[in-house]
Amino acid sequence: MDKKIQAFDNVLELIANTPLIKIDKLTAEIPGNFFAKVEAFNPGHSTKDRIALHIIEEAERQGILTPGDTIIETTSGNTGFSLAMVSAIKGYSCILAVSSKSSLDKIDMLKAMGAKVYVCPAHVSADDPRSYYQVAKRLHEETKGSVYINQYFNQLNIDAHYKSTGPEIWKQTNGKITHLVAASGTGGTISGTAKFLKEQNPNIRILGVDAFGSVLKKYHESREFDANEIYPYRIEGLGKNLIPTATNFDVIDQFEKVTDESAAHKAKQIARTEGLFVGYTSGAVMQAVEQYAAMGEFDENSNVVVIFPDHGSRYMSKIYSDKWMNAQGFYDTKNHEEELKVEFIK
């Protein structure tokens, strides 16, 4: 009797249903149980696969996207990669406006996936015509048959996580989750996931992670945009110099800011202790867990889920490069042991 070949039609069928993995070595001194939602298990190696597929398929359903059209987006790298991947499968062209803060690894990956990439200066205001927001808008206006994804101001960004990430975490924890800790950039991941979880249990604590140099924490606390909060920082995909409407601040209980340096070292520590090769923002989230713990946020009954957004391979020229870490001043007397040596046998 013939047996059917077990194969997926394409990589898009592998999006979502990422594993929950217990984190115990890094949290040995912290009360509670900690679990990582490891989004690098998506085929595009990041949580952005979820929104790319959802937004594109919704545009197809509405007749906004038709064969031969062009997808345009503003991205720090991960969303762009996911969009390029989906575009390759579905036959769309893909044009991306990328921040110069994005690692060279990310930019090279976007090109490898067939996207046309415009690299824009990172440290300009959001309304500057050179900013990646404005460049993407201009490209959309100039390109016939194009669709601008606009993840920072697209409600579908939230919906994607409301329909997938939130239900997955609820099911994987059997409804026992007490805390969610997640980075906030566009805000779609934390907002959509939190919305679903709060509907199941309003007592679940939603703890956001922001960067120094970003406006999100202060806006959450005061509902006022303070431009004085803005200054250059190195973490990609975390924090913002504007207020994205894809962030639902009402479902987030608290924000904590982390430094570039602490997040970089924590990502490397995750790899060496938990065996998970994760990105810069994952380090930021784990650093925030320690800071929240120091504030007395968790107890022995806490079941904490942290979202690790992407894979470490996208930061080989940054946090996993000794040269880059040294250039940032991140190796000092305290952290000199981080710099491992390579010996060449001749």
Protein backbone atom coordinates (compact mmCIF):
# COMPACT_ATOMS: atom_id res chain seq x y z
CA MET A 1 0.00 0.00 0.00
CA ASP A 2 1.38 3.38 -1.04
CA LYS A 3 2.10 5.78 1.77
CA LYS A 4 1.64 9.50 1.22
CA ILE A 5 4.82 11.60 1.21
CA GLN A 6 4.83 13.77 4.30
CA ALA A 7 5.87 17.21 3.15
CA PHE A 8 4.74 20.81 3.49
CA ASP A 9 3.66 22.69 0.39
CA ASN A 10 5.99 25.59 1.24
CA VAL A 11 7.71 27.28 4.20
CA LEU A 12 4.66 29.42 4.98
CA GLU A 13 2.96 26.38 6.48
CA LEU A 14 5.68 26.33 9.15
CA ILE A 15 4.80 29.77 10.52
CA ALA A 16 3.58 29.91 14.16
CA ASN A 17 3.17 27.13 16.75
CA THR A 18 6.64 27.90 18.10
CA PRO A 19 7.79 26.01 21.21
CA LEU A 20 7.75 27.09 24.83
CA ILE A 21 11.10 26.22 26.43
CA LYS A 22 11.85 26.27 30.14
CA ILE A 23 14.51 28.78 31.21
CA ASP A 24 16.06 27.58 34.45
CA LYS A 25 19.78 28.33 34.57
CA LEU A 26 19.50 32.09 34.18
CA THR A 27 16.59 32.24 36.60
CA ALA A 28 17.96 29.94 39.29
CA GLU A 29 18.05 32.78 41.84
CA ILE A 30 14.66 34.23 40.88
CA PRO A 31 11.40 32.90 42.39
CA GLY A 32 8.93 31.41 39.94
CA ASN A 33 8.92 29.36 36.74
CA PHE A 34 10.19 30.91 33.52
CA PHE A 35 9.49 29.87 29.94
CA ALA A 36 10.70 31.31 26.64
CA LYS A 37 8.44 31.52 23.60
CA VAL A 38 11.23 31.01 21.06
CA GLU A 39 10.14 32.74 17.85
CA ALA A 40 13.36 31.82 16.02
CA PHE A 41 11.64 28.49 15.29
CA ASN A 42 9.55 30.28 12.66
CA PRO A 43 10.92 29.60 9.14
CA GLY A 44 11.98 33.24 8.81
CA HIS A 45 13.63 33.01 12.25
CA SER A 46 11.51 35.72 13.88
CA THR A 47 8.11 36.58 15.27
CA LYS A 48 7.56 38.88 12.26
CA ASP A 49 6.66 35.88 10.09
CA ARG A 50 3.28 35.96 11.80
CA ILE A 51 2.39 39.53 10.82
CA ALA A 52 3.88 39.29 7.32
CA LEU A 53 1.71 36.33 6.37
CA HIS A 54 -1.40 37.64 8.14
CA ILE A 55 -1.24 41.14 6.65
CA ILE A 56 -0.48 39.94 3.12
CA GLU A 57 -3.22 37.31 3.14
CA GLU A 58 -5.72 39.82 4.51
CA ALA A 59 -4.77 42.25 1.71
CA GLU A 60 -5.31 39.42 -0.78
CA ARG A 61 -8.73 38.64 0.71
CA GLN A 62 -9.74 42.29 0.37
CA GLY A 63 -8.47 42.50 -3.20
CA ILE A 64 -5.88 45.13 -2.26
CA LEU A 65 -3.03 42.87 -3.39
CA THR A 66 -3.18 41.28 -6.82
CA PRO A 67 -0.65 39.20 -8.80
CA GLY A 68 2.36 41.23 -9.91
CA ASP A 69 1.98 43.90 -7.22
CA THR A 70 4.81 45.26 -5.06
CA ILE A 71 5.01 45.10 -1.27
CA ILE A 72 6.73 48.06 0.42
CA GLU A 73 7.65 48.35 4.07
CA THR A 74 9.62 50.18 6.74
CA THR A 75 11.69 47.71 8.74
CA SER A 76 14.61 47.24 11.12
CA GLY A 77 15.18 43.94 9.31
CA ASN A 78 13.01 41.14 10.64
CA THR A 79 9.67 42.23 9.18
CA GLY A 80 11.43 42.89 5.90
CA PHE A 81 12.89 39.42 5.82
CA SER A 82 9.51 37.86 6.56
CA LEU A 83 7.81 39.97 3.89
CA ALA A 84 10.51 39.07 1.35
CA MET A 85 10.05 35.39 2.20
CA VAL A 86 6.26 35.54 1.78
CA SER A 87 6.67 37.61 -1.40
CA ALA A 88 9.02 35.03 -2.89
CA ILE A 89 6.45 32.27 -2.34
CA LYS A 90 3.46 34.30 -3.53
CA GLY A 91 5.17 36.05 -6.45
CA TYR A 92 5.23 39.69 -5.33
CA SER A 93 8.07 42.18 -5.67
CA CYS A 94 9.40 43.52 -2.36
CA ILE A 95 10.96 46.92 -1.63
CA LEU A 96 12.23 47.71 1.86
CA ALA A 97 13.33 50.93 3.59
CA VAL A 98 15.75 49.89 6.32
CA SER A 99 17.31 51.80 9.19
CA SER A 100 21.10 52.17 9.03
CA LYS A 101 21.09 50.86 12.61
CA SER A 102 20.16 47.43 11.24
CA SER A 103 23.04 44.99 11.20
CA LEU A 104 24.83 44.25 7.92
CA ASP A 105 23.77 40.65 8.46
CA LYS A 106 20.11 41.66 8.23
CA ILE A 107 20.65 43.82 5.17
CA ASP A 108 22.54 41.05 3.37
CA MET A 109 19.76 38.60 4.25
CA LEU A 110 17.12 40.91 2.78
CA LYS A 111 19.07 41.12 -0.47
CA ALA A 112 19.51 37.34 -0.49
CA MET A 113 15.73 36.95 -0.32
CA GLY A 114 15.29 39.08 -3.45
CA ALA A 115 14.22 42.36 -1.86
CA LYS A 116 15.35 45.77 -3.09
CA VAL A 117 16.77 47.59 -0.08
CA TYR A 118 17.05 51.31 0.67
CA VAL A 119 19.24 52.00 3.74
CA CYS A 120 18.16 55.20 5.52
CA PRO A 121 19.91 57.17 8.30
CA ALA A 122 18.78 55.98 11.72
CA HIS A 123 19.26 59.07 13.83
CA VAL A 124 16.89 61.49 12.11
CA SER A 125 13.38 62.48 13.17
CA ALA A 126 10.46 60.38 11.99
CA ASP A 127 9.20 63.20 9.74
CA ASP A 128 12.59 63.80 8.10
CA PRO A 129 12.33 62.95 4.37
CA ARG A 130 15.41 60.71 4.78
CA SER A 131 13.85 58.62 7.58
CA TYR A 132 12.86 55.11 6.68
CA TYR A 133 9.23 55.97 7.43
CA GLN A 134 9.18 58.80 4.87
CA VAL A 135 11.26 56.92 2.29
CA ALA A 136 8.82 54.00 2.36
CA LYS A 137 5.87 56.37 1.92
CA ARG A 138 7.58 58.06 -1.03
CA LEU A 139 8.39 54.73 -2.67
CA HIS A 140 4.76 53.67 -2.25
CA GLU A 141 3.54 56.87 -3.92
CA GLU A 142 6.00 56.42 -6.79
CA THR A 143 5.41 52.70 -7.37
CA LYS A 144 2.29 51.75 -9.28
CA GLY A 145 0.50 48.67 -7.96
CA SER A 146 2.21 48.80 -4.57
CA VAL A 147 0.93 48.13 -1.07
CA TYR A 148 2.55 49.80 1.96
CA ILE A 149 2.38 47.41 4.92
CA ASN A 150 3.00 50.21 7.47
CA GLN A 151 3.41 47.87 10.46
CA TYR A 152 3.73 50.69 13.00
CA PHE A 153 0.22 51.92 12.24
CA ASN A 154 -1.51 48.76 11.06
CA GLN A 155 -4.14 47.17 13.29
CA LEU A 156 -3.49 43.84 11.55
CA ASN A 157 -0.10 43.78 13.31
CA ILE A 158 -1.97 43.41 16.61
CA ASP A 159 -4.55 41.04 15.13
CA ALA A 160 -1.88 38.58 13.96
CA HIS A 161 -0.69 38.02 17.52
CA TYR A 162 -4.20 38.12 18.97
CA LYS A 163 -5.09 35.22 16.68
CA SER A 164 -1.88 33.19 17.03
CA THR A 165 0.70 34.07 19.70
CA GLY A 166 -1.78 34.72 22.50
CA PRO A 167 -3.82 31.51 22.00
CA GLU A 168 -0.63 29.44 21.65
CA ILE A 169 0.77 30.70 24.96
CA TRP A 170 -2.55 30.19 26.74
CA LYS A 171 -2.77 26.61 25.46
CA GLN A 172 0.89 25.79 26.11
CA THR A 173 0.65 26.96 29.74
CA ASN A 174 -2.77 25.36 30.26
CA GLY A 175 -3.98 28.81 31.29
CA LYS A 176 -1.50 28.97 34.17
CA ILE A 177 0.50 31.94 32.89
CA THR A 178 0.75 34.77 35.43
CA HIS A 179 3.14 37.16 33.64
CA LEU A 180 4.09 37.99 30.05
CA VAL A 181 7.37 39.83 29.44
CA ALA A 182 7.87 41.15 25.91
CA ALA A 183 9.81 43.81 24.05
CA SER A 184 7.89 46.63 22.40
CA GLY A 185 8.89 48.14 19.07
CA THR A 186 5.88 48.45 16.80
CA GLY A 187 3.98 47.05 19.78
CA GLY A 188 2.08 44.47 17.77
CA THR A 189 3.51 41.42 19.51
CA ILE A 190 2.95 42.57 23.09
CA SER A 191 -0.40 44.23 22.34
CA GLY A 192 -2.04 41.40 20.42
CA THR A 193 -0.74 38.70 22.75
CA ALA A 194 -1.74 40.70 25.83
CA LYS A 195 -5.21 41.43 24.50
CA PHE A 196 -5.96 37.73 24.12
CA LEU A 197 -4.41 36.74 27.47
CA LYS A 198 -6.21 39.52 29.38
CA GLU A 199 -9.51 38.34 27.93
CA GLN A 200 -8.85 34.89 29.39
CA ASN A 201 -7.56 36.18 32.74
CA PRO A 202 -7.43 39.94 33.44
CA ASN A 203 -5.05 39.32 36.35
CA ILE A 204 -2.17 38.29 34.05
CA ARG A 205 0.57 40.90 34.35
CA ILE A 206 1.82 42.31 31.04
CA LEU A 207 5.36 43.65 31.44
CA GLY A 208 6.83 45.64 28.57
CA VAL A 209 10.49 46.20 27.74
CA ASP A 210 11.73 49.52 26.39
CA ALA A 211 15.13 51.02 25.56
CA PHE A 212 16.86 54.08 26.96
CA GLY A 213 16.53 56.65 24.17
CA SER A 214 12.93 55.62 23.43
CA VAL A 215 9.66 57.39 24.27
CA LEU A 216 7.43 54.38 25.01
CA LYS A 217 7.82 54.00 28.78
CA LYS A 218 7.16 57.64 29.55
CA TYR A 219 4.24 57.77 27.12
CA HIS A 220 2.71 54.72 28.81
CA GLU A 221 2.96 56.40 32.19
CA SER A 222 1.92 59.94 31.22
CA ARG A 223 0.25 59.64 27.78
CA GLU A 224 2.54 62.48 26.75
CA PHE A 225 5.08 62.35 23.93
CA ASP A 226 8.36 63.73 25.25
CA ALA A 227 10.95 64.39 22.53
CA ASN A 228 13.54 64.97 25.26
CA GLU A 229 13.50 61.21 25.88
CA ILE A 230 14.93 60.55 22.42
CA TYR A 231 18.60 59.91 21.82
CA PRO A 232 20.56 57.35 19.76
CA TYR A 233 20.73 53.78 21.06
CA ARG A 234 21.96 50.52 19.59
CA ILE A 235 19.29 47.87 20.21
CA GLU A 236 17.36 47.07 17.04
CA GLY A 237 13.62 46.43 16.97
CA LEU A 238 13.03 47.78 20.49
CA GLY A 239 11.65 51.17 21.49
CA LYS A 240 10.59 54.03 19.24
CA ASN A 241 11.02 57.76 18.55
CA LEU A 242 7.30 58.01 17.76
CA ILE A 243 4.09 56.51 19.14
CA PRO A 244 2.90 53.57 17.00
CA THR A 245 -0.85 53.06 16.86
CA ALA A 246 -0.03 49.33 16.70
CA THR A 247 0.74 49.61 20.42
CA ASN A 248 -2.25 49.23 22.74
CA PHE A 249 -0.89 50.83 25.90
CA ASP A 250 -4.07 50.01 27.83
CA VAL A 251 -3.30 46.27 27.94
CA ILE A 252 0.29 46.78 29.16
CA ASP A 253 0.69 47.06 32.92
CA GLN A 254 4.23 48.38 33.15
CA PHE A 255 7.37 49.20 31.15
CA GLU A 256 11.00 48.78 32.19
CA LYS A 257 13.96 50.22 30.27
CA VAL A 258 17.20 48.35 29.68
CA THR A 259 20.59 49.55 28.48
CA ASP A 260 22.27 48.62 25.21
CA GLU A 261 25.19 47.10 27.05
CA SER A 262 23.23 44.96 29.51
CA ALA A 263 21.00 43.61 26.73
CA ALA A 264 24.02 42.67 24.60
CA HIS A 265 25.74 40.77 27.41
CA LYS A 266 22.49 39.06 28.41
CA ALA A 267 21.90 37.74 24.88
CA LYS A 268 25.38 36.20 24.89
CA GLN A 269 24.71 34.76 28.34
CA ILE A 270 21.49 33.12 27.11
CA ALA A 271 23.47 31.34 24.40
CA ARG A 272 26.12 30.10 26.82
CA THR A 273 23.82 28.96 29.60
CA GLU A 274 20.53 27.94 27.96
CA GLY A 275 21.95 26.92 24.56
CA LEU A 276 19.56 29.25 22.75
CA PHE A 277 21.20 31.41 20.09
CA VAL A 278 18.98 34.48 20.25
CA GLY A 279 19.02 38.10 19.11
CA TYR A 280 19.62 41.45 20.75
CA THR A 281 16.02 42.03 21.84
CA SER A 282 15.90 38.60 23.49
CA GLY A 283 18.80 39.74 25.65
CA ALA A 284 16.86 42.91 26.44
CA VAL A 285 13.82 40.91 27.53
CA MET A 286 15.88 38.63 29.78
CA GLN A 287 17.65 41.62 31.30
CA ALA A 288 14.26 43.17 32.03
CA VAL A 289 13.18 39.95 33.77
CA GLU A 290 16.07 40.38 36.21
CA GLN A 291 15.16 44.02 36.78
CA TYR A 292 11.49 43.20 37.34
CA ALA A 293 12.55 40.43 39.74
CA ALA A 294 14.63 42.92 41.73
CA MET A 295 11.47 45.01 42.08
CA GLY A 296 9.66 42.04 43.66
CA GLU A 297 7.43 41.32 40.66
CA PHE A 298 7.61 37.50 40.90
CA ASP A 299 7.04 34.90 43.61
CA GLU A 300 7.29 31.11 43.81
CA ASN A 301 3.84 30.74 42.21
CA SER A 302 4.66 32.87 39.17
CA ASN A 303 4.56 31.30 35.71
CA VAL A 304 6.36 33.77 33.52
CA VAL A 305 6.46 33.62 29.71
CA VAL A 306 9.11 35.72 27.96
CA ILE A 307 9.06 36.23 24.21
CA PHE A 308 12.42 35.79 22.44
CA PRO A 309 11.70 37.53 19.10
CA ASP A 310 14.48 36.39 16.76
CA HIS A 311 17.67 34.42 16.05
CA GLY A 312 21.24 35.33 16.92
CA SER A 313 22.49 34.82 13.35
CA ARG A 314 21.16 38.29 12.53
CA TYR A 315 23.65 39.90 14.89
CA MET A 316 26.94 38.26 13.97
CA SER A 317 28.46 41.62 13.03
CA LYS A 318 27.14 43.21 16.21
CA ILE A 319 26.71 41.64 19.64
CA TYR A 320 28.37 38.37 18.60
CA SER A 321 31.37 40.25 17.19
CA ASP A 322 34.18 40.97 19.66
CA LYS A 323 35.30 43.82 17.40
CA TRP A 324 31.88 45.49 17.56
CA MET A 325 31.50 44.93 21.30
CA ASN A 326 34.92 46.46 21.91
CA ALA A 327 34.10 49.43 19.68
CA GLN A 328 30.99 50.13 21.76
CA GLY A 329 32.97 49.99 24.98
CA PHE A 330 30.97 46.96 26.12
CA TYR A 331 34.04 44.95 27.17
CA ASP A 332 35.47 46.28 30.41
CA THR A 333 37.09 44.95 33.54
CA LYS A 334 33.80 43.45 34.71
CA ASN A 335 32.98 41.78 31.41
CA HIS A 336 36.42 40.90 30.05
CA GLU A 337 35.65 37.19 30.42
CA GLU A 338 33.01 37.53 27.70
CA GLU A 339 35.69 37.84 25.03
CA LEU A 340 36.65 34.27 24.28
CA LYS A 341 39.78 33.62 22.26
CA VAL A 342 40.19 31.49 19.15
CA GLU A 343 43.37 29.51 18.69
CA PHE A 344 44.54 28.48 15.23
CA ILE A 345 46.57 25.25 15.11
CA LYS A 346 49.24 25.27 12.41
